[in-house]
PDB file of N, CA and C in Angstrom:
ATOM      1  N   UNK A   1       9.269   7.002 -19.904  1.00  0.00           N
ATOM      2  CA  UNK A   1       8.015   7.078 -19.174  1.00  0.00           C
ATOM      3  C   UNK A   1       7.505   5.677 -18.861  1.00  0.00           C
ATOM      4  N   UNK A   2       7.595   4.767 -19.810  1.00  0.00           N
ATOM      5  CA  UNK A   2       7.104   3.411 -19.609  1.00  0.00           C
ATOM      6  C   UNK A   2       7.861   2.719 -18.480  1.00  0.00           C
ATOM      7  N   UNK A   3       9.172   2.923 -18.425  1.00  0.00           N
ATOM      8  CA  UNK A   3       9.972   2.333 -17.351  1.00  0.00           C
ATOM      9  C   UNK A   3       9.517   2.842 -15.989  1.00  0.00           C
ATOM     10  N   UNK A   4       9.210   4.113 -15.920  1.00  0.00           N
ATOM     11  CA  UNK A   4       8.755   4.705 -14.663  1.00  0.00           C
ATOM     12  C   UNK A   4       7.429   4.090 -14.230  1.00  0.00           C
ATOM     13  N   UNK A   5       6.518   3.915 -15.168  1.00  0.00           N
ATOM     14  CA  UNK A   5       5.228   3.304 -14.853  1.00  0.00           C
ATOM     15  C   UNK A   5       5.432   1.865 -14.397  1.00  0.00           C
ATOM     16  N   UNK A   6       6.296   1.137 -15.057  1.00  0.00           N
ATOM     17  CA  UNK A   6       6.561  -0.256 -14.657  1.00  0.00           C
ATOM     18  C   UNK A   6       7.156  -0.325 -13.258  1.00  0.00           C
ATOM     19  N   UNK A   7       8.067   0.599 -12.962  1.00  0.00           N
ATOM     20  CA  UNK A   7       8.651   0.654 -11.619  1.00  0.00           C
ATOM     21  C   UNK A   7       7.568   0.933 -10.573  1.00  0.00           C
ATOM     22  N   UNK A   8       6.671   1.852 -10.889  1.00  0.00           N
ATOM     23  CA  UNK A   8       5.587   2.189  -9.972  1.00  0.00           C
ATOM     24  C   UNK A   8       4.646   1.004  -9.787  1.00  0.00           C
ATOM     25  N   UNK A   9       4.384   0.281 -10.846  1.00  0.00           N
ATOM     26  CA  UNK A   9       3.518  -0.898 -10.749  1.00  0.00           C
ATOM     27  C   UNK A   9       4.160  -1.984  -9.892  1.00  0.00           C
ATOM     28  N   UNK A  10       5.468  -2.134 -10.014  1.00  0.00           N
ATOM     29  CA  UNK A  10       6.167  -3.095  -9.160  1.00  0.00           C
ATOM     30  C   UNK A  10       6.080  -2.683  -7.696  1.00  0.00           C
ATOM     31  N   UNK A  11       6.247  -1.391  -7.448  1.00  0.00           N
ATOM     32  CA  UNK A  11       6.130  -0.893  -6.072  1.00  0.00           C
ATOM     33  C   UNK A  11       4.708  -1.105  -5.557  1.00  0.00           C
ATOM     34  N   UNK A  12       3.728  -0.951  -6.417  1.00  0.00           N
ATOM     35  CA  UNK A  12       2.335  -1.169  -6.044  1.00  0.00           C
ATOM     36  C   UNK A  12       2.125  -2.609  -5.587  1.00  0.00           C
ATOM     37  N   UNK A  13       2.695  -3.550  -6.308  1.00  0.00           N
ATOM     38  CA  UNK A  13       2.598  -4.957  -5.934  1.00  0.00           C
ATOM     39  C   UNK A  13       3.231  -5.179  -4.556  1.00  0.00           C
ATOM     40  N   UNK A  14       4.382  -4.560  -4.331  1.00  0.00           N
ATOM     41  CA  UNK A  14       5.046  -4.675  -3.035  1.00  0.00           C
ATOM     42  C   UNK A  14       4.180  -4.094  -1.914  1.00  0.00           C
ATOM     43  N   UNK A  15       3.594  -2.937  -2.168  1.00  0.00           N
ATOM     44  CA  UNK A  15       2.735  -2.308  -1.168  1.00  0.00           C
ATOM     45  C   UNK A  15       1.521  -3.172  -0.860  1.00  0.00           C
ATOM     46  N   UNK A  16       0.929  -3.748  -1.885  1.00  0.00           N
ATOM     47  CA  UNK A  16      -0.234  -4.607  -1.664  1.00  0.00           C
ATOM     48  C   UNK A  16       0.134  -5.813  -0.809  1.00  0.00           C
ATOM     49  N   UNK A  17       1.322  -6.350  -0.994  1.00  0.00           N
ATOM     50  CA  UNK A  17       1.790  -7.467  -0.170  1.00  0.00           C
ATOM     51  C   UNK A  17       2.014  -7.007   1.278  1.00  0.00           C
ATOM     52  N   UNK A  18       2.598  -5.827   1.439  1.00  0.00           N
ATOM     53  CA  UNK A  18       2.788  -5.276   2.782  1.00  0.00           C
ATOM     54  C   UNK A  18       1.439  -5.070   3.477  1.00  0.00           C
ATOM     55  N   UNK A  19       0.458  -4.607   2.732  1.00  0.00           N
ATOM     56  CA  UNK A  19      -0.883  -4.405   3.294  1.00  0.00           C
ATOM     57  C   UNK A  19      -1.474  -5.740   3.728  1.00  0.00           C
ATOM     58  N   UNK A  20      -1.355  -6.760   2.891  1.00  0.00           N
ATOM     59  CA  UNK A  20      -1.880  -8.089   3.254  1.00  0.00           C
ATOM     60  C   UNK A  20      -1.205  -8.625   4.517  1.00  0.00           C
ATOM     61  N   UNK A  21       0.105  -8.462   4.590  1.00  0.00           N
ATOM     62  CA  UNK A  21       0.838  -8.941   5.762  1.00  0.00           C
ATOM     63  C   UNK A  21       0.423  -8.170   7.022  1.00  0.00           C
ATOM     64  N   UNK A  22       0.232  -6.881   6.887  1.00  0.00           N
ATOM     65  CA  UNK A  22      -0.183  -6.064   8.028  1.00  0.00           C
ATOM     66  C   UNK A  22      -1.596  -6.437   8.456  1.00  0.00           C
ATOM     67  N   UNK A  23      -2.472  -6.672   7.507  1.00  0.00           N
ATOM     68  CA  UNK A  23      -3.844  -7.066   7.828  1.00  0.00           C
ATOM     69  C   UNK A  23      -3.874  -8.390   8.592  1.00  0.00           C
ATOM     70  N   UNK A  24      -2.935  -9.272   8.317  1.00  0.00           N
ATOM     71  CA  UNK A  24      -2.861 -10.544   9.042  1.00  0.00           C
ATOM     72  C   UNK A  24      -2.528 -10.330  10.515  1.00  0.00           C
ATOM     73  N   UNK A  25      -1.867  -9.217  10.821  1.00  0.00           N
ATOM     74  CA  UNK A  25      -1.484  -8.916  12.199  1.00  0.00           C
ATOM     75  C   UNK A  25      -2.594  -8.210  12.971  1.00  0.00           C
ATOM     76  N   UNK A  26      -3.684  -7.878  12.305  1.00  0.00           N
ATOM     77  CA  UNK A  26      -4.795  -7.202  12.969  1.00  0.00           C
ATOM     78  C   UNK A  26      -5.680  -8.271  13.615  1.00  0.00           C
ATOM     79  N   UNK A  27      -5.703  -8.301  14.942  1.00  0.00           N
ATOM     80  CA  UNK A  27      -6.544  -9.299  15.615  1.00  0.00           C
ATOM     81  C   UNK A  27      -8.031  -8.957  15.488  1.00  0.00           C
ATOM     82  N   UNK A  28      -8.854  -9.963  15.689  1.00  0.00           N
ATOM     83  CA  UNK A  28     -10.300  -9.752  15.597  1.00  0.00           C
ATOM     84  C   UNK A  28     -10.789  -8.813  16.695  1.00  0.00           C
ATOM     85  N   UNK A  29     -10.121  -8.844  17.836  1.00  0.00           N
ATOM     86  CA  UNK A  29     -10.494  -7.994  18.974  1.00  0.00           C
ATOM     87  C   UNK A  29      -9.260  -7.256  19.461  1.00  0.00           C
ATOM     88  N   UNK A  30      -9.484  -6.152  20.107  1.00  0.00           N
ATOM     89  CA  UNK A  30      -8.395  -5.364  20.691  1.00  0.00           C
ATOM     90  C   UNK A  30      -7.323  -4.991  19.669  1.00  0.00           C
ATOM     91  N   UNK A  31      -7.739  -4.311  18.643  1.00  0.00           N
ATOM     92  CA  UNK A  31      -6.818  -3.877  17.594  1.00  0.00           C
ATOM     93  C   UNK A  31      -5.817  -2.884  18.170  1.00  0.00           C
ATOM     94  N   UNK A  32      -4.542  -3.133  17.895  1.00  0.00           N
ATOM     95  CA  UNK A  32      -3.486  -2.257  18.395  1.00  0.00           C
ATOM     96  C   UNK A  32      -3.394  -1.015  17.505  1.00  0.00           C
ATOM     97  N   UNK A  33      -3.380   0.160  18.125  1.00  0.00           N
ATOM     98  CA  UNK A  33      -3.295   1.407  17.343  1.00  0.00           C
ATOM     99  C   UNK A  33      -2.071   1.459  16.427  1.00  0.00           C
ATOM    100  N   UNK A  34      -0.955   0.910  16.869  1.00  0.00           N
ATOM    101  CA  UNK A  34       0.260   0.937  16.056  1.00  0.00           C
ATOM    102  C   UNK A  34       0.059   0.180  14.746  1.00  0.00           C
ATOM    103  N   UNK A  35      -0.584  -0.982  14.814  1.00  0.00           N
ATOM    104  CA  UNK A  35      -0.817  -1.785  13.613  1.00  0.00           C
ATOM    105  C   UNK A  35      -1.804  -1.069  12.694  1.00  0.00           C
ATOM    106  N   UNK A  36      -2.843  -0.503  13.259  1.00  0.00           N
ATOM    107  CA  UNK A  36      -3.815   0.216  12.437  1.00  0.00           C
ATOM    108  C   UNK A  36      -3.176   1.443  11.794  1.00  0.00           C
ATOM    109  N   UNK A  37      -2.329   2.130  12.540  1.00  0.00           N
ATOM    110  CA  UNK A  37      -1.622   3.284  11.984  1.00  0.00           C
ATOM    111  C   UNK A  37      -0.745   2.882  10.809  1.00  0.00           C
ATOM    112  N   UNK A  38      -0.060   1.762  10.962  1.00  0.00           N
ATOM    113  CA  UNK A  38       0.780   1.259   9.877  1.00  0.00           C
ATOM    114  C   UNK A  38      -0.063   0.925   8.651  1.00  0.00           C
ATOM    115  N   UNK A  39      -1.209   0.307   8.896  1.00  0.00           N
ATOM    116  CA  UNK A  39      -2.108  -0.057   7.805  1.00  0.00           C
ATOM    117  C   UNK A  39      -2.616   1.187   7.076  1.00  0.00           C
ATOM    118  N   UNK A  40      -2.982   2.207   7.831  1.00  0.00           N
ATOM    119  CA  UNK A  40      -3.454   3.452   7.216  1.00  0.00           C
ATOM    120  C   UNK A  40      -2.360   4.105   6.374  1.00  0.00           C
ATOM    121  N   UNK A  41      -1.138   4.093   6.873  1.00  0.00           N
ATOM    122  CA  UNK A  41      -0.022   4.679   6.123  1.00  0.00           C
ATOM    123  C   UNK A  41       0.194   3.922   4.815  1.00  0.00           C
ATOM    124  N   UNK A  42       0.175   2.596   4.879  1.00  0.00           N
ATOM    125  CA  UNK A  42       0.357   1.789   3.670  1.00  0.00           C
ATOM    126  C   UNK A  42      -0.762   2.038   2.663  1.00  0.00           C
ATOM    127  N   UNK A  43      -1.989   2.136   3.151  1.00  0.00           N
ATOM    128  CA  UNK A  43      -3.123   2.401   2.257  1.00  0.00           C
ATOM    129  C   UNK A  43      -2.984   3.774   1.606  1.00  0.00           C
ATOM    130  N   UNK A  44      -2.534   4.757   2.372  1.00  0.00           N
ATOM    131  CA  UNK A  44      -2.325   6.101   1.807  1.00  0.00           C
ATOM    132  C   UNK A  44      -1.253   6.079   0.724  1.00  0.00           C
ATOM    133  N   UNK A  45      -0.166   5.347   0.976  1.00  0.00           N
ATOM    134  CA  UNK A  45       0.896   5.228  -0.024  1.00  0.00           C
ATOM    135  C   UNK A  45       0.370   4.557  -1.283  1.00  0.00           C
ATOM    136  N   UNK A  46      -0.448   3.539  -1.101  1.00  0.00           N
ATOM    137  CA  UNK A  46      -1.027   2.832  -2.242  1.00  0.00           C
ATOM    138  C   UNK A  46      -1.907   3.772  -3.054  1.00  0.00           C
ATOM    139  N   UNK A  47      -2.763   4.531  -2.384  1.00  0.00           N
ATOM    140  CA  UNK A  47      -3.642   5.475  -3.085  1.00  0.00           C
ATOM    141  C   UNK A  47      -2.842   6.513  -3.874  1.00  0.00           C
ATOM    142  N   UNK A  48      -1.782   7.024  -3.266  1.00  0.00           N
ATOM    143  CA  UNK A  48      -0.939   8.009  -3.943  1.00  0.00           C
ATOM    144  C   UNK A  48      -0.250   7.395  -5.155  1.00  0.00           C
ATOM    145  N   UNK A  49       0.216   6.180  -5.005  1.00  0.00           N
ATOM    146  CA  UNK A  49       0.876   5.483  -6.100  1.00  0.00           C
ATOM    147  C   UNK A  49      -0.093   5.227  -7.250  1.00  0.00           C
ATOM    148  N   UNK A  50      -1.304   4.806  -6.927  1.00  0.00           N
ATOM    149  CA  UNK A  50      -2.318   4.581  -7.964  1.00  0.00           C
ATOM    150  C   UNK A  50      -2.625   5.873  -8.714  1.00  0.00           C
ATOM    151  N   UNK A  51      -2.716   6.966  -7.980  1.00  0.00           N
ATOM    152  CA  UNK A  51      -2.985   8.269  -8.601  1.00  0.00           C
ATOM    153  C   UNK A  51      -1.841   8.667  -9.520  1.00  0.00           C
ATOM    154  N   UNK A  52      -0.620   8.448  -9.093  1.00  0.00           N
ATOM    155  CA  UNK A  52       0.548   8.786  -9.903  1.00  0.00           C
ATOM    156  C   UNK A  52       0.577   7.967 -11.178  1.00  0.00           C
ATOM    157  N   UNK A  53       0.310   6.669 -11.062  1.00  0.00           N
ATOM    158  CA  UNK A  53       0.276   5.798 -12.235  1.00  0.00           C
ATOM    159  C   UNK A  53      -0.804   6.274 -13.210  1.00  0.00           C
ATOM    160  N   UNK A  54      -1.962   6.600 -12.671  1.00  0.00           N
ATOM    161  CA  UNK A  54      -3.067   7.064 -13.527  1.00  0.00           C
ATOM    162  C   UNK A  54      -2.686   8.345 -14.263  1.00  0.00           C
ATOM    163  N   UNK A  55      -2.032   9.266 -13.584  1.00  0.00           N
ATOM    164  CA  UNK A  55      -1.640  10.526 -14.212  1.00  0.00           C
ATOM    165  C   UNK A  55      -0.578  10.309 -15.307  1.00  0.00           C
ATOM    166  N   UNK A  56       0.265   9.332 -15.136  1.00  0.00           N
ATOM    167  CA  UNK A  56       1.335   9.087 -16.110  1.00  0.00           C
ATOM    168  C   UNK A  56       0.852   8.332 -17.354  1.00  0.00           C
ATOM    169  N   UNK A  57      -0.262   7.663 -17.228  1.00  0.00           N
ATOM    170  CA  UNK A  57      -0.748   6.877 -18.374  1.00  0.00           C
ATOM    171  C   UNK A  57      -1.515   7.715 -19.351  1.00  0.00           C
TER     172      UNK A  57
END
């Protein structure tokens, strides 16, 4: 179980980095729907991962 939680935490770190990189691509004006869609998907994955980690602990 501990290994699984550690793996999930590592994935969480990766997702947070992906979110930061995607946020850098969001311009101040004229936000592209594709970039925002990608950001929403990453945030949803992060939320699900956090919930899974919480349930396993």
